[in-house]
């Protein structure tokens, strides 16, 4: 999540947390609601960008983080 404040996501994460799920998030704001709900937050720092009303903030850091995690998990499972 870029903002870490998406109502739909916050609502569902709270429900999952109440059911005992562990929450890992990737957000652009370590002080966001989603980051605070999470057991582990992986932050990235980019400037939010908007075109008209659309949030067009790059997601490249998130892709990099996910690819790095996948490679590490694969390496550990060898």
PDB file of N, CA and C in Angstrom:
ATOM      1  N   UNK A   1       0.846  -1.184   0.000  1.00  0.00           N
ATOM      2  CA  UNK A   1       0.000   0.000   0.000  1.00  0.00           C
ATOM      3  C   UNK A   1       0.885   1.239   0.000  1.00  0.00           C
ATOM      4  N   UNK A   2       0.553   2.192  -0.843  1.00  0.00           N
ATOM      5  CA  UNK A   2       1.323   3.432  -0.852  1.00  0.00           C
ATOM      6  C   UNK A   2       0.988   4.238   0.397  1.00  0.00           C
ATOM      7  N   UNK A   3      -0.284   4.513   0.607  1.00  0.00           N
ATOM      8  CA  UNK A   3      -0.667   5.347   1.754  1.00  0.00           C
ATOM      9  C   UNK A   3      -0.718   4.554   3.050  1.00  0.00           C
ATOM     10  N   UNK A   4      -1.077   3.282   2.951  1.00  0.00           N
ATOM     11  CA  UNK A   4      -1.267   2.480   4.157  1.00  0.00           C
ATOM     12  C   UNK A   4      -2.564   2.790   4.871  1.00  0.00           C
ATOM     13  N   UNK A   5      -3.490   3.431   4.153  1.00  0.00           N
ATOM     14  CA  UNK A   5      -4.739   3.868   4.775  1.00  0.00           C
ATOM     15  C   UNK A   5      -5.987   3.427   4.015  1.00  0.00           C
ATOM     16  N   UNK A   6      -5.864   2.533   3.059  1.00  0.00           N
ATOM     17  CA  UNK A   6      -7.011   2.105   2.264  1.00  0.00           C
ATOM     18  C   UNK A   6      -8.041   1.424   3.164  1.00  0.00           C
ATOM     19  N   UNK A   7      -9.261   1.993   3.226  1.00  0.00           N
ATOM     20  CA  UNK A   7     -10.293   1.501   4.148  1.00  0.00           C
ATOM     21  C   UNK A   7     -10.599   0.022   3.959  1.00  0.00           C
ATOM     22  N   UNK A   8     -10.753  -0.416   2.718  1.00  0.00           N
ATOM     23  CA  UNK A   8     -11.057  -1.820   2.433  1.00  0.00           C
ATOM     24  C   UNK A   8      -9.985  -2.730   3.021  1.00  0.00           C
ATOM     25  N   UNK A   9      -8.735  -2.384   2.782  1.00  0.00           N
ATOM     26  CA  UNK A   9      -7.620  -3.203   3.260  1.00  0.00           C
ATOM     27  C   UNK A   9      -7.529  -3.184   4.778  1.00  0.00           C
ATOM     28  N   UNK A  10      -7.671  -2.015   5.380  1.00  0.00           N
ATOM     29  CA  UNK A  10      -7.614  -1.888   6.843  1.00  0.00           C
ATOM     30  C   UNK A  10      -8.699  -2.746   7.487  1.00  0.00           C
ATOM     31  N   UNK A  11      -9.910  -2.680   6.956  1.00  0.00           N
ATOM     32  CA  UNK A  11     -11.030  -3.462   7.501  1.00  0.00           C
ATOM     33  C   UNK A  11     -10.728  -4.958   7.458  1.00  0.00           C
ATOM     34  N   UNK A  12     -10.239  -5.435   6.327  1.00  0.00           N
ATOM     35  CA  UNK A  12      -9.967  -6.866   6.188  1.00  0.00           C
ATOM     36  C   UNK A  12      -8.755  -7.306   7.004  1.00  0.00           C
ATOM     37  N   UNK A  13      -7.747  -6.461   7.099  1.00  0.00           N
ATOM     38  CA  UNK A  13      -6.589  -6.810   7.928  1.00  0.00           C
ATOM     39  C   UNK A  13      -6.980  -6.914   9.396  1.00  0.00           C
ATOM     40  N   UNK A  14      -7.827  -6.004   9.865  1.00  0.00           N
ATOM     41  CA  UNK A  14      -8.291  -6.072  11.258  1.00  0.00           C
ATOM     42  C   UNK A  14      -9.035  -7.378  11.512  1.00  0.00           C
ATOM     43  N   UNK A  15      -9.879  -7.792  10.563  1.00  0.00           N
ATOM     44  CA  UNK A  15     -10.612  -9.055  10.709  1.00  0.00           C
ATOM     45  C   UNK A  15      -9.634 -10.234  10.749  1.00  0.00           C
ATOM     46  N   UNK A  16      -8.681 -10.254   9.842  1.00  0.00           N
ATOM     47  CA  UNK A  16      -7.687 -11.332   9.821  1.00  0.00           C
ATOM     48  C   UNK A  16      -6.865 -11.358  11.107  1.00  0.00           C
ATOM     49  N   UNK A  17      -6.502 -10.185  11.604  1.00  0.00           N
ATOM     50  CA  UNK A  17      -5.713 -10.082  12.840  1.00  0.00           C
ATOM     51  C   UNK A  17      -6.510 -10.663  14.012  1.00  0.00           C
ATOM     52  N   UNK A  18      -7.811 -10.333  14.085  1.00  0.00           N
ATOM     53  CA  UNK A  18      -8.669 -10.846  15.152  1.00  0.00           C
ATOM     54  C   UNK A  18      -8.790 -12.367  15.086  1.00  0.00           C
ATOM     55  N   UNK A  19      -8.671 -12.923  13.884  1.00  0.00           N
ATOM     56  CA  UNK A  19      -8.759 -14.376  13.710  1.00  0.00           C
ATOM     57  C   UNK A  19      -7.420 -15.065  13.947  1.00  0.00           C
ATOM     58  N   UNK A  20      -6.391 -14.276  14.299  1.00  0.00           N
ATOM     59  CA  UNK A  20      -5.101 -14.855  14.643  1.00  0.00           C
ATOM     60  C   UNK A  20      -4.063 -14.879  13.537  1.00  0.00           C
ATOM     61  N   UNK A  21      -4.378 -14.285  12.402  1.00  0.00           N
ATOM     62  CA  UNK A  21      -3.413 -14.266  11.292  1.00  0.00           C
ATOM     63  C   UNK A  21      -2.249 -13.337  11.598  1.00  0.00           C
ATOM     64  N   UNK A  22      -1.086 -13.699  11.101  1.00  0.00           N
ATOM     65  CA  UNK A  22       0.081 -12.819  11.149  1.00  0.00           C
ATOM     66  C   UNK A  22       0.035 -11.949   9.897  1.00  0.00           C
ATOM     67  N   UNK A  23       0.286 -10.667  10.062  1.00  0.00           N
ATOM     68  CA  UNK A  23       0.181  -9.715   8.961  1.00  0.00           C
ATOM     69  C   UNK A  23       1.558  -9.160   8.616  1.00  0.00           C
ATOM     70  N   UNK A  24       1.924  -9.281   7.341  1.00  0.00           N
ATOM     71  CA  UNK A  24       3.146  -8.678   6.814  1.00  0.00           C
ATOM     72  C   UNK A  24       2.711  -7.686   5.750  1.00  0.00           C
ATOM     73  N   UNK A  25       3.213  -6.463   5.836  1.00  0.00           N
ATOM     74  CA  UNK A  25       2.819  -5.442   4.870  1.00  0.00           C
ATOM     75  C   UNK A  25       4.031  -4.754   4.266  1.00  0.00           C
ATOM     76  N   UNK A  26       3.807  -4.185   3.095  1.00  0.00           N
ATOM     77  CA  UNK A  26       4.795  -3.347   2.425  1.00  0.00           C
ATOM     78  C   UNK A  26       4.103  -2.011   2.201  1.00  0.00           C
ATOM     79  N   UNK A  27       4.574  -0.973   2.880  1.00  0.00           N
ATOM     80  CA  UNK A  27       3.935   0.336   2.758  1.00  0.00           C
ATOM     81  C   UNK A  27       4.961   1.435   2.543  1.00  0.00           C
ATOM     82  N   UNK A  28       4.456   2.560   2.080  1.00  0.00           N
ATOM     83  CA  UNK A  28       5.289   3.739   1.875  1.00  0.00           C
ATOM     84  C   UNK A  28       5.230   4.657   3.099  1.00  0.00           C
ATOM     85  N   UNK A  29       4.603   4.200   4.168  1.00  0.00           N
ATOM     86  CA  UNK A  29       4.435   5.037   5.355  1.00  0.00           C
ATOM     87  C   UNK A  29       4.487   4.152   6.603  1.00  0.00           C
ATOM     88  N   UNK A  30       5.582   4.216   7.330  1.00  0.00           N
ATOM     89  CA  UNK A  30       5.744   3.346   8.506  1.00  0.00           C
ATOM     90  C   UNK A  30       4.814   3.711   9.659  1.00  0.00           C
ATOM     91  N   UNK A  31       4.169   4.862   9.578  1.00  0.00           N
ATOM     92  CA  UNK A  31       3.251   5.291  10.633  1.00  0.00           C
ATOM     93  C   UNK A  31       1.791   5.115  10.227  1.00  0.00           C
ATOM     94  N   UNK A  32       1.551   4.450   9.111  1.00  0.00           N
ATOM     95  CA  UNK A  32       0.189   4.270   8.612  1.00  0.00           C
ATOM     96  C   UNK A  32      -0.569   3.239   9.442  1.00  0.00           C
ATOM     97  N   UNK A  33      -1.875   3.235   9.266  1.00  0.00           N
ATOM     98  CA  UNK A  33      -2.725   2.270   9.960  1.00  0.00           C
ATOM     99  C   UNK A  33      -2.333   0.840   9.601  1.00  0.00           C
ATOM    100  N   UNK A  34      -2.114   0.578   8.324  1.00  0.00           N
ATOM    101  CA  UNK A  34      -1.747  -0.774   7.897  1.00  0.00           C
ATOM    102  C   UNK A  34      -0.417  -1.196   8.504  1.00  0.00           C
ATOM    103  N   UNK A  35       0.549  -0.303   8.516  1.00  0.00           N
ATOM    104  CA  UNK A  35       1.855  -0.625   9.115  1.00  0.00           C
ATOM    105  C   UNK A  35       1.704  -0.934  10.600  1.00  0.00           C
ATOM    106  N   UNK A  36       0.858  -0.185  11.287  1.00  0.00           N
ATOM    107  CA  UNK A  36       0.659  -0.392  12.725  1.00  0.00           C
ATOM    108  C   UNK A  36      -0.070  -1.699  13.024  1.00  0.00           C
ATOM    109  N   UNK A  37      -0.998  -2.092  12.162  1.00  0.00           N
ATOM    110  CA  UNK A  37      -1.725  -3.348  12.341  1.00  0.00           C
ATOM    111  C   UNK A  37      -0.793  -4.540  12.130  1.00  0.00           C
ATOM    112  N   UNK A  38       0.178  -4.373  11.267  1.00  0.00           N
ATOM    113  CA  UNK A  38       1.042  -5.470  10.825  1.00  0.00           C
ATOM    114  C   UNK A  38       1.985  -5.964  11.913  1.00  0.00           C
ATOM    115  N   UNK A  39       2.249  -7.259  11.872  1.00  0.00           N
ATOM    116  CA  UNK A  39       3.271  -7.836  12.737  1.00  0.00           C
ATOM    117  C   UNK A  39       4.653  -7.473  12.210  1.00  0.00           C
ATOM    118  N   UNK A  40       4.750  -7.341  10.894  1.00  0.00           N
ATOM    119  CA  UNK A  40       5.999  -6.932  10.247  1.00  0.00           C
ATOM    120  C   UNK A  40       5.650  -6.003   9.103  1.00  0.00           C
ATOM    121  N   UNK A  41       6.248  -4.830   9.096  1.00  0.00           N
ATOM    122  CA  UNK A  41       6.076  -3.886   7.993  1.00  0.00           C
ATOM    123  C   UNK A  41       7.414  -3.696   7.301  1.00  0.00           C
ATOM    124  N   UNK A  42       7.407  -3.827   5.990  1.00  0.00           N
ATOM    125  CA  UNK A  42       8.592  -3.558   5.184  1.00  0.00           C
ATOM    126  C   UNK A  42       8.346  -2.219   4.503  1.00  0.00           C
ATOM    127  N   UNK A  43       9.056  -1.183   4.935  1.00  0.00           N
ATOM    128  CA  UNK A  43       8.802   0.140   4.358  1.00  0.00           C
ATOM    129  C   UNK A  43       9.626   0.396   3.100  1.00  0.00           C
ATOM    130  N   UNK A  44       9.091   1.218   2.250  1.00  0.00           N
ATOM    131  CA  UNK A  44       9.851   1.771   1.133  1.00  0.00           C
ATOM    132  C   UNK A  44       9.518   3.257   1.082  1.00  0.00           C
ATOM    133  N   UNK A  45      10.380   4.020   0.508  1.00  0.00           N
ATOM    134  CA  UNK A  45      10.222   5.469   0.568  1.00  0.00           C
ATOM    135  C   UNK A  45      10.299   6.074  -0.822  1.00  0.00           C
ATOM    136  N   UNK A  46       9.154   6.465  -1.353  1.00  0.00           N
ATOM    137  CA  UNK A  46       9.088   7.176  -2.625  1.00  0.00           C
ATOM    138  C   UNK A  46       8.100   8.326  -2.479  1.00  0.00           C
ATOM    139  N   UNK A  47       8.263   9.317  -3.300  1.00  0.00           N
ATOM    140  CA  UNK A  47       7.347  10.453  -3.293  1.00  0.00           C
ATOM    141  C   UNK A  47       6.060  10.047  -4.001  1.00  0.00           C
ATOM    142  N   UNK A  48       4.929  10.309  -3.360  1.00  0.00           N
ATOM    143  CA  UNK A  48       3.655  10.006  -3.999  1.00  0.00           C
ATOM    144  C   UNK A  48       3.452  10.945  -5.176  1.00  0.00           C
ATOM    145  N   UNK A  49       2.946  10.383  -6.280  1.00  0.00           N
ATOM    146  CA  UNK A  49       2.693  11.171  -7.481  1.00  0.00           C
ATOM    147  C   UNK A  49       1.247  10.976  -7.914  1.00  0.00           C
ATOM    148  N   UNK A  50       0.633  12.072  -8.358  1.00  0.00           N
ATOM    149  CA  UNK A  50      -0.753  12.025  -8.815  1.00  0.00           C
ATOM    150  C   UNK A  50      -0.860  12.616 -10.211  1.00  0.00           C
ATOM    151  N   UNK A  51      -1.720  12.019 -11.022  1.00  0.00           N
ATOM    152  CA  UNK A  51      -2.079  12.566 -12.323  1.00  0.00           C
ATOM    153  C   UNK A  51      -3.572  12.777 -12.271  1.00  0.00           C
ATOM    154  N   UNK A  52      -3.978  14.043 -12.309  1.00  0.00           N
ATOM    155  CA  UNK A  52      -5.361  14.414 -12.059  1.00  0.00           C
ATOM    156  C   UNK A  52      -5.715  13.862 -10.679  1.00  0.00           C
ATOM    157  N   UNK A  53      -6.657  12.932 -10.567  1.00  0.00           N
ATOM    158  CA  UNK A  53      -6.998  12.398  -9.242  1.00  0.00           C
ATOM    159  C   UNK A  53      -6.436  11.001  -9.011  1.00  0.00           C
ATOM    160  N   UNK A  54      -5.722  10.473  -9.988  1.00  0.00           N
ATOM    161  CA  UNK A  54      -5.213   9.101  -9.894  1.00  0.00           C
ATOM    162  C   UNK A  54      -3.835   9.068  -9.249  1.00  0.00           C
ATOM    163  N   UNK A  55      -3.656   8.148  -8.316  1.00  0.00           N
ATOM    164  CA  UNK A  55      -2.350   7.951  -7.699  1.00  0.00           C
ATOM    165  C   UNK A  55      -1.517   7.106  -8.660  1.00  0.00           C
ATOM    166  N   UNK A  56      -0.454   7.700  -9.180  1.00  0.00           N
ATOM    167  CA  UNK A  56       0.412   7.006 -10.142  1.00  0.00           C
ATOM    168  C   UNK A  56       1.808   6.792  -9.558  1.00  0.00           C
ATOM    169  N   UNK A  57       1.883   6.688  -8.251  1.00  0.00           N
ATOM    170  CA  UNK A  57       3.159   6.459  -7.574  1.00  0.00           C
ATOM    171  C   UNK A  57       3.762   5.144  -8.054  1.00  0.00           C
ATOM    172  N   UNK A  58       5.039   5.161  -8.335  1.00  0.00           N
ATOM    173  CA  UNK A  58       5.710   3.958  -8.832  1.00  0.00           C
ATOM    174  C   UNK A  58       5.606   2.803  -7.835  1.00  0.00           C
ATOM    175  N   UNK A  59       5.449   1.615  -8.376  1.00  0.00           N
ATOM    176  CA  UNK A  59       5.410   0.400  -7.565  1.00  0.00           C
ATOM    177  C   UNK A  59       6.675  -0.436  -7.754  1.00  0.00           C
ATOM    178  N   UNK A  60       7.656   0.117  -8.447  1.00  0.00           N
ATOM    179  CA  UNK A  60       8.906  -0.606  -8.693  1.00  0.00           C
ATOM    180  C   UNK A  60       9.581  -1.055  -7.395  1.00  0.00           C
ATOM    181  N   UNK A  61       9.624  -0.226  -6.337  1.00  0.00           N
ATOM    182  CA  UNK A  61      10.241  -0.714  -5.092  1.00  0.00           C
ATOM    183  C   UNK A  61       9.525  -1.942  -4.517  1.00  0.00           C
ATOM    184  N   UNK A  62       8.211  -1.996  -4.663  1.00  0.00           N
ATOM    185  CA  UNK A  62       7.444  -3.134  -4.150  1.00  0.00           C
ATOM    186  C   UNK A  62       7.793  -4.398  -4.939  1.00  0.00           C
ATOM    187  N   UNK A  63       7.884  -4.273  -6.246  1.00  0.00           N
ATOM    188  CA  UNK A  63       8.262  -5.414  -7.084  1.00  0.00           C
ATOM    189  C   UNK A  63       9.652  -5.911  -6.690  1.00  0.00           C
ATOM    190  N   UNK A  64      10.575  -4.996  -6.475  1.00  0.00           N
ATOM    191  CA  UNK A  64      11.933  -5.366  -6.066  1.00  0.00           C
ATOM    192  C   UNK A  64      11.913  -6.120  -4.731  1.00  0.00           C
ATOM    193  N   UNK A  65      11.167  -5.605  -3.761  1.00  0.00           N
ATOM    194  CA  UNK A  65      11.077  -6.249  -2.444  1.00  0.00           C
ATOM    195  C   UNK A  65      10.497  -7.657  -2.584  1.00  0.00           C
ATOM    196  N   UNK A  66       9.410  -7.801  -3.341  1.00  0.00           N
ATOM    197  CA  UNK A  66       8.785  -9.117  -3.514  1.00  0.00           C
ATOM    198  C   UNK A  66       9.709 -10.093  -4.236  1.00  0.00           C
ATOM    199  N   UNK A  67      10.403  -9.611  -5.268  1.00  0.00           N
ATOM    200  CA  UNK A  67      11.344 -10.490  -5.974  1.00  0.00           C
ATOM    201  C   UNK A  67      12.494 -10.914  -5.066  1.00  0.00           C
ATOM    202  N   UNK A  68      12.996  -9.992  -4.266  1.00  0.00           N
ATOM    203  CA  UNK A  68      14.084 -10.305  -3.337  1.00  0.00           C
ATOM    204  C   UNK A  68      13.633 -11.342  -2.314  1.00  0.00           C
ATOM    205  N   UNK A  69      12.428 -11.176  -1.770  1.00  0.00           N
ATOM    206  CA  UNK A  69      11.889 -12.150  -0.820  1.00  0.00           C
ATOM    207  C   UNK A  69      11.725 -13.521  -1.478  1.00  0.00           C
ATOM    208  N   UNK A  70      11.205 -13.550  -2.693  1.00  0.00           N
ATOM    209  CA  UNK A  70      11.010 -14.821  -3.396  1.00  0.00           C
ATOM    210  C   UNK A  70      12.344 -15.523  -3.644  1.00  0.00           C
ATOM    211  N   UNK A  71      13.349 -14.769  -4.060  1.00  0.00           N
ATOM    212  CA  UNK A  71      14.670 -15.367  -4.288  1.00  0.00           C
ATOM    213  C   UNK A  71      15.260 -15.926  -2.993  1.00  0.00           C
ATOM    214  N   UNK A  72      15.095 -15.192  -1.908  1.00  0.00           N
ATOM    215  CA  UNK A  72      15.645 -15.642  -0.624  1.00  0.00           C
ATOM    216  C   UNK A  72      14.917 -16.891  -0.123  1.00  0.00           C
ATOM    217  N   UNK A  73      13.604 -16.912  -0.255  1.00  0.00           N
ATOM    218  CA  UNK A  73      12.837 -18.096   0.147  1.00  0.00           C
ATOM    219  C   UNK A  73      13.264 -19.302  -0.690  1.00  0.00           C
ATOM    220  N   UNK A  74      13.416 -19.096  -1.980  1.00  0.00           N
ATOM    221  CA  UNK A  74      13.869 -20.183  -2.861  1.00  0.00           C
ATOM    222  C   UNK A  74      15.251 -20.681  -2.434  1.00  0.00           C
ATOM    223  N   UNK A  75      16.157 -19.754  -2.156  1.00  0.00           N
ATOM    224  CA  UNK A  75      17.513 -20.121  -1.734  1.00  0.00           C
ATOM    225  C   UNK A  75      17.482 -20.930  -0.440  1.00  0.00           C
ATOM    226  N   UNK A  76      16.661 -20.511   0.515  1.00  0.00           N
ATOM    227  CA  UNK A  76      16.580 -21.202   1.804  1.00  0.00           C
ATOM    228  C   UNK A  76      15.970 -22.595   1.677  1.00  0.00           C
ATOM    229  N   UNK A  77      15.139 -22.787   0.674  1.00  0.00           N
ATOM    230  CA  UNK A  77      14.479 -24.083   0.481  1.00  0.00           C
ATOM    231  C   UNK A  77      15.284 -25.052  -0.370  1.00  0.00           C
ATOM    232  N   UNK A  78      16.461 -24.671  -0.774  1.00  0.00           N
ATOM    233  CA  UNK A  78      17.320 -25.552  -1.592  1.00  0.00           C
ATOM    234  C   UNK A  78      17.886 -26.673  -0.754  1.00  0.00           C
TER     235      UNK A  78
END
